[in-house]
Amino acid sequence: MPARESESLVLRTYPYREADLIVSFISRDRGKLRGIARAARRPKSRWGSGLERLSHVHLYYFLRENQELARLDGCELLNPPVFLKADYTVSVALDFLAEVSDKLLPDHEPNDPYFRLLLLVLDEIREGMGGKLAAFDAPALVTADSNGDSPDTQPGGRPAGPAGSSSDIPRWLSHALTYFGLWSLRLGGWLPPLHACIESGVELGADETAYFERFQDGLVSADFRGPDSWPLRPSSRRLARAMLRRSLPDLREQVTLNGPFDDLFRFITQRLEFHFEQRLKTAKVLSQL
């Protein structure tokens, strides 16, 4: 039985037998794996906080060829666990990162760009929780409503966000979640063109509002919008292009320049749910904050 060690991120844990845990984790060099941590649920467990979700650890394990579950032997924390200082809103955000990652990543397929994406977003969340991003604390994110099937409308029939135009999610956190979701789509190969109408093939104008629907894989112009479409503002499309070109810390000023970007996050979550073929539970909770 070969011994292995790897830089890893813990995604989720599940109770197993009387005192064990099944751990889903991302190994940097081997992709998403699952393993059994013996006695991890006992009061004096030697695992400590190393198996909390999104803990960044150096993990030691044994894995036979063609074996589904590894046997976890130990871990060393590489960064302070994010959950230790997380309030409820940040905890839901961490659950969102873990849920999307667990659904998006196939087993046993290394994906170093995605691993680096998670580390980048977790570092941004640590900065925010440490008060270093206080300039971006204004609420900014409104996600799709809990049903998500059709938008409310403003006078004149223009789609709007769900009831209540603000939330308790700080701007720096919503910015990090939007960046993560956008790059998850791109790394998954699911990001549609943001510059052209998928119906006509015509390029969208720089100041033109685009529209999207839950079961439509891309953006359309106003001429092709349906009754259940949502708008995507030009400023949000510009922010998306900036996010695809620059690193997350370099975009902090871009947050205040673009104003609210709830429509971009709604577009991202609907694209993810479309390809997962199921709703994201954490996106629904985010919409209720």
C-alpha atoms as a PDB file:
ATOM      1  CA  MET A   1       0.000   0.000   0.000  1.00  0.00           C
ATOM      2  CA  PRO A   2       1.899   3.114  -1.222  1.00  0.00           C
ATOM      3  CA  ALA A   3       2.138   6.123   1.100  1.00  0.00           C
ATOM      4  CA  ARG A   4       1.408   9.492  -0.480  1.00  0.00           C
ATOM      5  CA  GLU A   5       1.497  13.106   0.636  1.00  0.00           C
ATOM      6  CA  SER A   6       0.032  16.153  -1.037  1.00  0.00           C
ATOM      7  CA  GLU A   7      -0.925  19.771  -0.571  1.00  0.00           C
ATOM      8  CA  SER A   8      -4.714  19.585  -0.300  1.00  0.00           C
ATOM      9  CA  LEU A   9      -7.923  21.493   0.350  1.00  0.00           C
ATOM     10  CA  VAL A  10     -10.690  19.784   2.304  1.00  0.00           C
ATOM     11  CA  LEU A  11     -14.105  20.085   0.672  1.00  0.00           C
ATOM     12  CA  ARG A  12     -16.568  18.163   2.847  1.00  0.00           C
ATOM     13  CA  THR A  13     -16.767  15.501   5.516  1.00  0.00           C
ATOM     14  CA  TYR A  14     -19.418  12.848   6.123  1.00  0.00           C
ATOM     15  CA  PRO A  15     -19.964  10.733   9.263  1.00  0.00           C
ATOM     16  CA  TYR A  16     -18.911   7.113   8.884  1.00  0.00           C
ATOM     17  CA  ARG A  17     -19.472   4.357  11.415  1.00  0.00           C
ATOM     18  CA  GLU A  18     -19.228   5.325  15.072  1.00  0.00           C
ATOM     19  CA  ALA A  19     -16.286   7.732  15.144  1.00  0.00           C
ATOM     20  CA  ASP A  20     -14.870   8.043  11.606  1.00  0.00           C
ATOM     21  CA  LEU A  21     -15.266  10.574   8.825  1.00  0.00           C
ATOM     22  CA  ILE A  22     -15.271  10.238   5.067  1.00  0.00           C
ATOM     23  CA  VAL A  23     -13.364  13.244   3.739  1.00  0.00           C
ATOM     24  CA  SER A  24     -13.732  14.696   0.251  1.00  0.00           C
ATOM     25  CA  PHE A  25     -10.619  16.706  -0.615  1.00  0.00           C
ATOM     26  CA  ILE A  26      -8.703  18.189  -3.538  1.00  0.00           C
ATOM     27  CA  SER A  27      -5.153  16.977  -3.856  1.00  0.00           C
ATOM     28  CA  ARG A  28      -3.035  19.411  -5.841  1.00  0.00           C
ATOM     29  CA  ASP A  29      -1.278  16.669  -7.778  1.00  0.00           C
ATOM     30  CA  ARG A  30      -4.036  14.013  -7.959  1.00  0.00           C
ATOM     31  CA  GLY A  31      -7.323  15.900  -8.136  1.00  0.00           C
ATOM     32  CA  LYS A  32     -10.451  15.234  -6.103  1.00  0.00           C
ATOM     33  CA  LEU A  33     -10.254  12.208  -3.821  1.00  0.00           C
ATOM     34  CA  ARG A  34     -12.106  10.712  -0.877  1.00  0.00           C
ATOM     35  CA  GLY A  35     -10.654   9.015   2.162  1.00  0.00           C
ATOM     36  CA  ILE A  36     -11.462   7.702   5.630  1.00  0.00           C
ATOM     37  CA  ALA A  37     -10.153   9.517   8.701  1.00  0.00           C
ATOM     38  CA  ARG A  38     -10.247   7.064  11.588  1.00  0.00           C
ATOM     39  CA  ALA A  39     -11.471   8.317  14.982  1.00  0.00           C
ATOM     40  CA  ALA A  40     -11.876  11.856  13.614  1.00  0.00           C
ATOM     41  CA  ARG A  41     -15.169  12.367  15.480  1.00  0.00           C
ATOM     42  CA  ARG A  42     -13.845  11.514  18.921  1.00  0.00           C
ATOM     43  CA  PRO A  43     -13.511  14.382  21.458  1.00  0.00           C
ATOM     44  CA  LYS A  44      -9.722  14.063  21.633  1.00  0.00           C
ATOM     45  CA  SER A  45      -9.165  13.499  17.938  1.00  0.00           C
ATOM     46  CA  ARG A  46      -5.632  14.005  16.683  1.00  0.00           C
ATOM     47  CA  TRP A  47      -7.015  15.678  13.538  1.00  0.00           C
ATOM     48  CA  GLY A  48      -7.914  18.950  15.260  1.00  0.00           C
ATOM     49  CA  SER A  49      -9.247  21.528  12.793  1.00  0.00           C
ATOM     50  CA  GLY A  50      -7.363  20.009   9.857  1.00  0.00           C
ATOM     51  CA  LEU A  51     -10.485  18.419   8.393  1.00  0.00           C
ATOM     52  CA  GLU A  52     -12.727  21.494   8.520  1.00  0.00           C
ATOM     53  CA  ARG A  53     -14.074  22.476   5.114  1.00  0.00           C
ATOM     54  CA  LEU A  54     -11.619  24.404   2.969  1.00  0.00           C
ATOM     55  CA  SER A  55      -8.761  23.832   5.389  1.00  0.00           C
ATOM     56  CA  HIS A  56      -5.454  24.159   3.524  1.00  0.00           C
ATOM     57  CA  VAL A  57      -3.369  21.212   4.658  1.00  0.00           C
ATOM     58  CA  HIS A  58      -0.477  18.914   3.846  1.00  0.00           C
ATOM     59  CA  LEU A  59      -2.249  15.567   3.839  1.00  0.00           C
ATOM     60  CA  TYR A  60      -0.710  12.120   4.316  1.00  0.00           C
ATOM     61  CA  TYR A  61      -2.657   9.114   3.038  1.00  0.00           C
ATOM     62  CA  PHE A  62      -2.492   5.595   1.630  1.00  0.00           C
ATOM     63  CA  LEU A  63      -4.198   4.725  -1.641  1.00  0.00           C
ATOM     64  CA  ARG A  64      -4.106   1.479  -3.602  1.00  0.00           C
ATOM     65  CA  GLU A  65      -4.543   1.465  -7.354  1.00  0.00           C
ATOM     66  CA  ASN A  66      -8.237   1.258  -8.398  1.00  0.00           C
ATOM     67  CA  GLN A  67      -9.290   1.882  -4.791  1.00  0.00           C
ATOM     68  CA  GLU A  68     -12.146   4.311  -4.231  1.00  0.00           C
ATOM     69  CA  LEU A  69     -11.350   5.417  -0.667  1.00  0.00           C
ATOM     70  CA  ALA A  70      -7.920   6.376   0.624  1.00  0.00           C
ATOM     71  CA  ARG A  71      -6.857   5.815   4.216  1.00  0.00           C
ATOM     72  CA  LEU A  72      -5.931   9.173   5.713  1.00  0.00           C
ATOM     73  CA  ASP A  73      -2.956   9.022   8.051  1.00  0.00           C
ATOM     74  CA  GLY A  74      -2.416  12.627   9.174  1.00  0.00           C
ATOM     75  CA  CYS A  75      -2.335  16.283   8.160  1.00  0.00           C
ATOM     76  CA  GLU A  76      -0.496  19.531   8.835  1.00  0.00           C
ATOM     77  CA  LEU A  77      -2.193  22.922   8.543  1.00  0.00           C
ATOM     78  CA  LEU A  78      -0.555  25.211   5.993  1.00  0.00           C
ATOM     79  CA  ASN A  79      -2.771  28.248   6.703  1.00  0.00           C
ATOM     80  CA  PRO A  80      -5.033  29.222   9.625  1.00  0.00           C
ATOM     81  CA  PRO A  81      -8.505  27.721   9.032  1.00  0.00           C
ATOM     82  CA  VAL A  82     -10.860  30.316   7.595  1.00  0.00           C
ATOM     83  CA  PHE A  83     -13.849  29.085   9.632  1.00  0.00           C
ATOM     84  CA  LEU A  84     -12.317  30.140  12.972  1.00  0.00           C
ATOM     85  CA  LYS A  85     -13.240  33.813  12.445  1.00  0.00           C
ATOM     86  CA  ALA A  86     -16.087  33.355   9.981  1.00  0.00           C
ATOM     87  CA  ASP A  87     -19.520  34.794  10.731  1.00  0.00           C
ATOM     88  CA  TYR A  88     -22.669  33.257   9.277  1.00  0.00           C
ATOM     89  CA  THR A  89     -22.403  35.117   5.957  1.00  0.00           C
ATOM     90  CA  VAL A  90     -18.793  34.058   5.406  1.00  0.00           C
ATOM     91  CA  SER A  91     -19.680  30.491   6.429  1.00  0.00           C
ATOM     92  CA  VAL A  92     -22.335  30.355   3.710  1.00  0.00           C
ATOM     93  CA  ALA A  93     -19.810  31.759   1.233  1.00  0.00           C
ATOM     94  CA  LEU A  94     -17.353  28.992   2.165  1.00  0.00           C
ATOM     95  CA  ASP A  95     -20.111  26.430   1.699  1.00  0.00           C
ATOM     96  CA  PHE A  96     -20.731  27.912  -1.761  1.00  0.00           C
ATOM     97  CA  LEU A  97     -17.057  27.453  -2.707  1.00  0.00           C
ATOM     98  CA  ALA A  98     -17.091  23.873  -1.438  1.00  0.00           C
ATOM     99  CA  GLU A  99     -20.399  22.946  -3.116  1.00  0.00           C
ATOM    100  CA  VAL A 100     -19.391  24.301  -6.526  1.00  0.00           C
ATOM    101  CA  SER A 101     -15.952  22.659  -6.325  1.00  0.00           C
ATOM    102  CA  ASP A 102     -17.385  19.302  -5.290  1.00  0.00           C
ATOM    103  CA  LYS A 103     -19.819  19.303  -8.215  1.00  0.00           C
ATOM    104  CA  LEU A 104     -17.459  20.696 -10.825  1.00  0.00           C
ATOM    105  CA  LEU A 105     -14.295  18.650 -10.292  1.00  0.00           C
ATOM    106  CA  PRO A 106     -14.145  15.054 -11.568  1.00  0.00           C
ATOM    107  CA  ASP A 107     -12.425  12.413  -9.446  1.00  0.00           C
ATOM    108  CA  HIS A 108      -8.714  11.704  -9.863  1.00  0.00           C
ATOM    109  CA  GLU A 109      -8.091  14.490 -12.393  1.00  0.00           C
ATOM    110  CA  PRO A 110      -5.501  17.087 -11.271  1.00  0.00           C
ATOM    111  CA  ASN A 111      -6.505  20.689 -11.930  1.00  0.00           C
ATOM    112  CA  ASP A 112      -3.801  23.037 -10.674  1.00  0.00           C
ATOM    113  CA  PRO A 113      -5.424  26.233 -12.095  1.00  0.00           C
ATOM    114  CA  TYR A 114      -8.600  25.474 -10.132  1.00  0.00           C
ATOM    115  CA  PHE A 115      -6.580  24.702  -6.998  1.00  0.00           C
ATOM    116  CA  ARG A 116      -4.817  28.073  -7.329  1.00  0.00           C
ATOM    117  CA  LEU A 117      -8.194  29.777  -7.865  1.00  0.00           C
ATOM    118  CA  LEU A 118      -9.481  28.416  -4.561  1.00  0.00           C
ATOM    119  CA  LEU A 119      -6.329  29.504  -2.721  1.00  0.00           C
ATOM    120  CA  LEU A 120      -6.608  32.994  -4.221  1.00  0.00           C
ATOM    121  CA  VAL A 121     -10.255  33.396  -3.189  1.00  0.00           C
ATOM    122  CA  LEU A 122      -9.586  32.033   0.314  1.00  0.00           C
ATOM    123  CA  ASP A 123      -6.734  34.537   0.745  1.00  0.00           C
ATOM    124  CA  GLU A 124      -9.106  37.342  -0.268  1.00  0.00           C
ATOM    125  CA  ILE A 125     -11.660  36.160   2.282  1.00  0.00           C
ATOM    126  CA  ARG A 126      -8.970  36.119   4.992  1.00  0.00           C
ATOM    127  CA  GLU A 127      -8.040  39.690   4.063  1.00  0.00           C
ATOM    128  CA  GLY A 128     -11.670  40.744   4.295  1.00  0.00           C
ATOM    129  CA  MET A 129     -12.265  39.070   7.640  1.00  0.00           C
ATOM    130  CA  GLY A 130      -9.107  40.727   8.957  1.00  0.00           C
ATOM    131  CA  GLY A 131     -10.578  44.160   8.226  1.00  0.00           C
ATOM    132  CA  LYS A 132      -8.100  44.932   5.444  1.00  0.00           C
ATOM    133  CA  LEU A 133     -10.871  45.369   2.864  1.00  0.00           C
ATOM    134  CA  ALA A 134     -13.139  47.613   4.952  1.00  0.00           C
ATOM    135  CA  ALA A 135     -13.456  50.076   2.065  1.00  0.00           C
ATOM    136  CA  PHE A 136     -15.586  47.497   0.248  1.00  0.00           C
ATOM    137  CA  ASP A 137     -17.944  46.644   3.103  1.00  0.00           C
ATOM    138  CA  ALA A 138     -21.010  48.206   1.475  1.00  0.00           C
ATOM    139  CA  PRO A 139     -23.626  45.571   0.579  1.00  0.00           C
ATOM    140  CA  ALA A 140     -23.481  44.698  -3.092  1.00  0.00           C
ATOM    141  CA  LEU A 141     -24.720  41.221  -3.917  1.00  0.00           C
ATOM    142  CA  VAL A 142     -28.260  40.126  -4.639  1.00  0.00           C
ATOM    143  CA  THR A 143     -28.583  36.584  -5.953  1.00  0.00           C
ATOM    144  CA  ALA A 144     -31.442  34.942  -7.809  1.00  0.00           C
ATOM    145  CA  ASP A 145     -34.620  34.413  -5.847  1.00  0.00           C
ATOM    146  CA  SER A 146     -35.155  31.087  -4.093  1.00  0.00           C
ATOM    147  CA  ASN A 147     -37.403  29.785  -6.860  1.00  0.00           C
ATOM    148  CA  GLY A 148     -35.217  31.260  -9.587  1.00  0.00           C
ATOM    149  CA  ASP A 149     -37.583  30.363 -12.429  1.00  0.00           C
ATOM    150  CA  SER A 150     -38.725  33.809 -13.480  1.00  0.00           C
ATOM    151  CA  PRO A 151     -37.779  37.367 -12.524  1.00  0.00           C
ATOM    152  CA  ASP A 152     -39.923  40.043 -10.991  1.00  0.00           C
ATOM    153  CA  THR A 153     -40.531  42.970 -13.275  1.00  0.00           C
ATOM    154  CA  GLN A 154     -40.316  46.703 -12.964  1.00  0.00           C
ATOM    155  CA  PRO A 155     -42.832  49.056 -14.574  1.00  0.00           C
ATOM    156  CA  GLY A 156     -42.627  48.638 -18.310  1.00  0.00           C
ATOM    157  CA  GLY A 157     -41.867  44.924 -18.112  1.00  0.00           C
ATOM    158  CA  ARG A 158     -38.109  45.209 -17.532  1.00  0.00           C
ATOM    159  CA  PRO A 159     -36.808  42.348 -15.388  1.00  0.00           C
ATOM    160  CA  ALA A 160     -35.485  43.259 -11.957  1.00  0.00           C
ATOM    161  CA  GLY A 161     -33.838  41.503  -9.091  1.00  0.00           C
ATOM    162  CA  PRO A 162     -35.715  39.752  -6.300  1.00  0.00           C
ATOM    163  CA  ALA A 163     -37.612  41.680  -3.691  1.00  0.00           C
ATOM    164  CA  GLY A 164     -35.214  43.911  -1.808  1.00  0.00           C
ATOM    165  CA  SER A 165     -32.381  45.499  -3.764  1.00  0.00           C
ATOM    166  CA  SER A 166     -29.591  44.961  -1.230  1.00  0.00           C
ATOM    167  CA  SER A 167     -28.260  42.260   1.050  1.00  0.00           C
ATOM    168  CA  ASP A 168     -26.051  41.794   4.092  1.00  0.00           C
ATOM    169  CA  ILE A 169     -23.193  40.402   1.997  1.00  0.00           C
ATOM    170  CA  PRO A 170     -20.235  42.829   2.095  1.00  0.00           C
ATOM    171  CA  ARG A 171     -18.965  44.097  -1.204  1.00  0.00           C
ATOM    172  CA  TRP A 172     -15.507  42.513  -0.902  1.00  0.00           C
ATOM    173  CA  LEU A 173     -17.066  39.091  -0.285  1.00  0.00           C
ATOM    174  CA  SER A 174     -19.549  39.317  -3.145  1.00  0.00           C
ATOM    175  CA  HIS A 175     -16.696  40.410  -5.390  1.00  0.00           C
ATOM    176  CA  ALA A 176     -14.673  37.313  -4.402  1.00  0.00           C
ATOM    177  CA  LEU A 177     -17.651  34.986  -4.964  1.00  0.00           C
ATOM    178  CA  THR A 178     -18.355  36.505  -8.382  1.00  0.00           C
ATOM    179  CA  TYR A 179     -14.705  36.119  -9.393  1.00  0.00           C
ATOM    180  CA  PHE A 180     -14.706  32.519  -8.205  1.00  0.00           C
ATOM    181  CA  GLY A 181     -17.926  31.650 -10.024  1.00  0.00           C
ATOM    182  CA  LEU A 182     -16.818  33.290 -13.272  1.00  0.00           C
ATOM    183  CA  TRP A 183     -13.487  31.463 -13.309  1.00  0.00           C
ATOM    184  CA  SER A 184     -15.201  28.198 -12.352  1.00  0.00           C
ATOM    185  CA  LEU A 185     -17.277  28.532 -15.513  1.00  0.00           C
ATOM    186  CA  ARG A 186     -14.205  29.284 -17.588  1.00  0.00           C
ATOM    187  CA  LEU A 187     -12.085  26.455 -16.183  1.00  0.00           C
ATOM    188  CA  GLY A 188     -15.036  24.085 -16.576  1.00  0.00           C
ATOM    189  CA  GLY A 189     -15.342  25.077 -20.253  1.00  0.00           C
ATOM    190  CA  TRP A 190     -18.859  26.438 -19.754  1.00  0.00           C
ATOM    191  CA  LEU A 191     -18.406  30.203 -20.077  1.00  0.00           C
ATOM    192  CA  PRO A 192     -20.399  31.472 -23.085  1.00  0.00           C
ATOM    193  CA  PRO A 193     -19.285  34.522 -25.108  1.00  0.00           C
ATOM    194  CA  LEU A 194     -19.989  37.768 -23.274  1.00  0.00           C
ATOM    195  CA  HIS A 195     -19.560  40.039 -26.288  1.00  0.00           C
ATOM    196  CA  ALA A 196     -22.103  38.646 -28.784  1.00  0.00           C
ATOM    197  CA  CYS A 197     -25.744  37.598 -29.063  1.00  0.00           C
ATOM    198  CA  ILE A 198     -25.941  33.804 -29.365  1.00  0.00           C
ATOM    199  CA  GLU A 199     -29.100  34.033 -31.499  1.00  0.00           C
ATOM    200  CA  SER A 200     -27.925  36.482 -34.166  1.00  0.00           C
ATOM    201  CA  GLY A 201     -24.153  36.247 -33.784  1.00  0.00           C
ATOM    202  CA  VAL A 202     -24.011  40.053 -33.802  1.00  0.00           C
ATOM    203  CA  GLU A 203     -21.557  41.702 -31.397  1.00  0.00           C
ATOM    204  CA  LEU A 204     -23.181  43.474 -28.474  1.00  0.00           C
ATOM    205  CA  GLY A 205     -22.511  47.181 -28.147  1.00  0.00           C
ATOM    206  CA  ALA A 206     -20.251  48.387 -25.344  1.00  0.00           C
ATOM    207  CA  ASP A 207     -23.179  50.207 -23.711  1.00  0.00           C
ATOM    208  CA  GLU A 208     -25.865  47.699 -24.689  1.00  0.00           C
ATOM    209  CA  THR A 209     -27.786  45.746 -22.058  1.00  0.00           C
ATOM    210  CA  ALA A 210     -27.716  42.008 -22.709  1.00  0.00           C
ATOM    211  CA  TYR A 211     -30.260  39.429 -21.492  1.00  0.00           C
ATOM    212  CA  PHE A 212     -30.134  35.822 -20.323  1.00  0.00           C
ATOM    213  CA  GLU A 213     -32.493  33.036 -19.268  1.00  0.00           C
ATOM    214  CA  ARG A 214     -31.986  30.015 -17.050  1.00  0.00           C
ATOM    215  CA  PHE A 215     -32.183  27.460 -19.864  1.00  0.00           C
ATOM    216  CA  GLN A 216     -30.462  29.530 -22.530  1.00  0.00           C
ATOM    217  CA  ASP A 217     -26.700  29.009 -22.757  1.00  0.00           C
ATOM    218  CA  GLY A 218     -25.550  32.543 -23.444  1.00  0.00           C
ATOM    219  CA  LEU A 219     -26.528  36.183 -23.850  1.00  0.00           C
ATOM    220  CA  VAL A 220     -28.980  37.712 -26.289  1.00  0.00           C
ATOM    221  CA  SER A 221     -29.749  41.242 -27.416  1.00  0.00           C
ATOM    222  CA  ALA A 222     -32.999  43.025 -26.607  1.00  0.00           C
ATOM    223  CA  ASP A 223     -34.491  41.889 -29.936  1.00  0.00           C
ATOM    224  CA  PHE A 224     -34.300  38.231 -28.863  1.00  0.00           C
ATOM    225  CA  ARG A 225     -35.123  38.485 -25.153  1.00  0.00           C
ATOM    226  CA  GLY A 226     -37.944  36.348 -23.804  1.00  0.00           C
ATOM    227  CA  PRO A 227     -40.563  37.112 -21.140  1.00  0.00           C
ATOM    228  CA  ASP A 228     -38.540  35.349 -18.431  1.00  0.00           C
ATOM    229  CA  SER A 229     -35.208  36.966 -19.231  1.00  0.00           C
ATOM    230  CA  TRP A 230     -32.908  38.829 -16.837  1.00  0.00           C
ATOM    231  CA  PRO A 231     -30.816  41.883 -17.798  1.00  0.00           C
ATOM    232  CA  LEU A 232     -27.025  41.972 -17.637  1.00  0.00           C
ATOM    233  CA  ARG A 233     -25.784  45.537 -17.423  1.00  0.00           C
ATOM    234  CA  PRO A 234     -22.928  46.796 -19.632  1.00  0.00           C
ATOM    235  CA  SER A 235     -20.937  47.636 -16.477  1.00  0.00           C
ATOM    236  CA  SER A 236     -21.268  44.022 -15.315  1.00  0.00           C
ATOM    237  CA  ARG A 237     -19.996  42.709 -18.655  1.00  0.00           C
ATOM    238  CA  ARG A 238     -17.025  45.079 -18.378  1.00  0.00           C
ATOM    239  CA  LEU A 239     -16.343  43.806 -14.861  1.00  0.00           C
ATOM    240  CA  ALA A 240     -16.482  40.204 -16.119  1.00  0.00           C
ATOM    241  CA  ARG A 241     -13.927  40.972 -18.831  1.00  0.00           C
ATOM    242  CA  ALA A 242     -11.664  42.619 -16.248  1.00  0.00           C
ATOM    243  CA  MET A 243     -11.987  39.596 -13.945  1.00  0.00           C
ATOM    244  CA  LEU A 244     -10.876  37.292 -16.754  1.00  0.00           C
ATOM    245  CA  ARG A 245      -7.755  39.383 -17.381  1.00  0.00           C
ATOM    246  CA  ARG A 246      -6.569  40.416 -13.918  1.00  0.00           C
ATOM    247  CA  SER A 247      -5.933  38.811 -10.549  1.00  0.00           C
ATOM    248  CA  LEU A 248      -8.465  39.222  -7.756  1.00  0.00           C
ATOM    249  CA  PRO A 249      -6.406  41.588  -5.527  1.00  0.00           C
ATOM    250  CA  ASP A 250      -5.769  43.861  -8.540  1.00  0.00           C
ATOM    251  CA  LEU A 251      -9.516  44.289  -9.077  1.00  0.00           C
ATOM    252  CA  ARG A 252     -10.508  45.817  -5.748  1.00  0.00           C
ATOM    253  CA  GLU A 253     -10.782  49.321  -7.161  1.00  0.00           C
ATOM    254  CA  GLN A 254     -12.911  47.933  -9.998  1.00  0.00           C
ATOM    255  CA  VAL A 255     -15.603  47.010  -7.456  1.00  0.00           C
ATOM    256  CA  THR A 256     -16.489  50.591  -6.601  1.00  0.00           C
ATOM    257  CA  LEU A 257     -16.141  51.725 -10.216  1.00  0.00           C
ATOM    258  CA  ASN A 258     -18.738  49.230 -11.430  1.00  0.00           C
ATOM    259  CA  GLY A 259     -21.300  49.585  -8.668  1.00  0.00           C
ATOM    260  CA  PRO A 260     -23.712  46.685  -7.979  1.00  0.00           C
ATOM    261  CA  PHE A 261     -23.039  43.467  -9.901  1.00  0.00           C
ATOM    262  CA  ASP A 262     -25.818  41.227  -8.615  1.00  0.00           C
ATOM    263  CA  ASP A 263     -26.896  40.562 -12.218  1.00  0.00           C
ATOM    264  CA  LEU A 264     -23.484  39.081 -13.066  1.00  0.00           C
ATOM    265  CA  PHE A 265     -23.573  36.756 -10.065  1.00  0.00           C
ATOM    266  CA  ARG A 266     -27.101  35.663 -11.004  1.00  0.00           C
ATOM    267  CA  PHE A 267     -25.939  34.910 -14.538  1.00  0.00           C
ATOM    268  CA  ILE A 268     -22.993  32.875 -13.194  1.00  0.00           C
ATOM    269  CA  THR A 269     -25.054  30.800 -10.753  1.00  0.00           C
ATOM    270  CA  GLN A 270     -27.668  30.037 -13.385  1.00  0.00           C
ATOM    271  CA  ARG A 271     -24.958  28.858 -15.811  1.00  0.00           C
ATOM    272  CA  LEU A 272     -23.445  26.616 -13.119  1.00  0.00           C
ATOM    273  CA  GLU A 273     -26.844  25.164 -12.200  1.00  0.00           C
ATOM    274  CA  PHE A 274     -27.619  24.581 -15.874  1.00  0.00           C
ATOM    275  CA  HIS A 275     -24.496  22.450 -16.312  1.00  0.00           C
ATOM    276  CA  PHE A 276     -24.798  20.715 -12.934  1.00  0.00           C
ATOM    277  CA  GLU A 277     -28.443  19.945 -13.809  1.00  0.00           C
ATOM    278  CA  GLN A 278     -29.465  20.823 -10.266  1.00  0.00           C
ATOM    279  CA  ARG A 279     -29.843  23.862  -8.069  1.00  0.00           C
ATOM    280  CA  LEU A 280     -27.068  25.062  -5.791  1.00  0.00           C
ATOM    281  CA  LYS A 281     -28.319  24.911  -2.219  1.00  0.00           C
ATOM    282  CA  THR A 282     -25.873  27.555  -1.054  1.00  0.00           C
ATOM    283  CA  ALA A 283     -26.959  30.000  -3.786  1.00  0.00           C
ATOM    284  CA  LYS A 284     -30.485  29.794  -2.398  1.00  0.00           C
ATOM    285  CA  VAL A 285     -29.209  30.541   1.118  1.00  0.00           C
ATOM    286  CA  LEU A 286     -27.152  33.469  -0.173  1.00  0.00           C
ATOM    287  CA  SER A 287     -30.299  34.905  -1.746  1.00  0.00           C
ATOM    288  CA  GLN A 288     -32.013  34.894   1.648  1.00  0.00           C
ATOM    289  CA  LEU A 289     -29.331  36.827   3.534  1.00  0.00           C
END
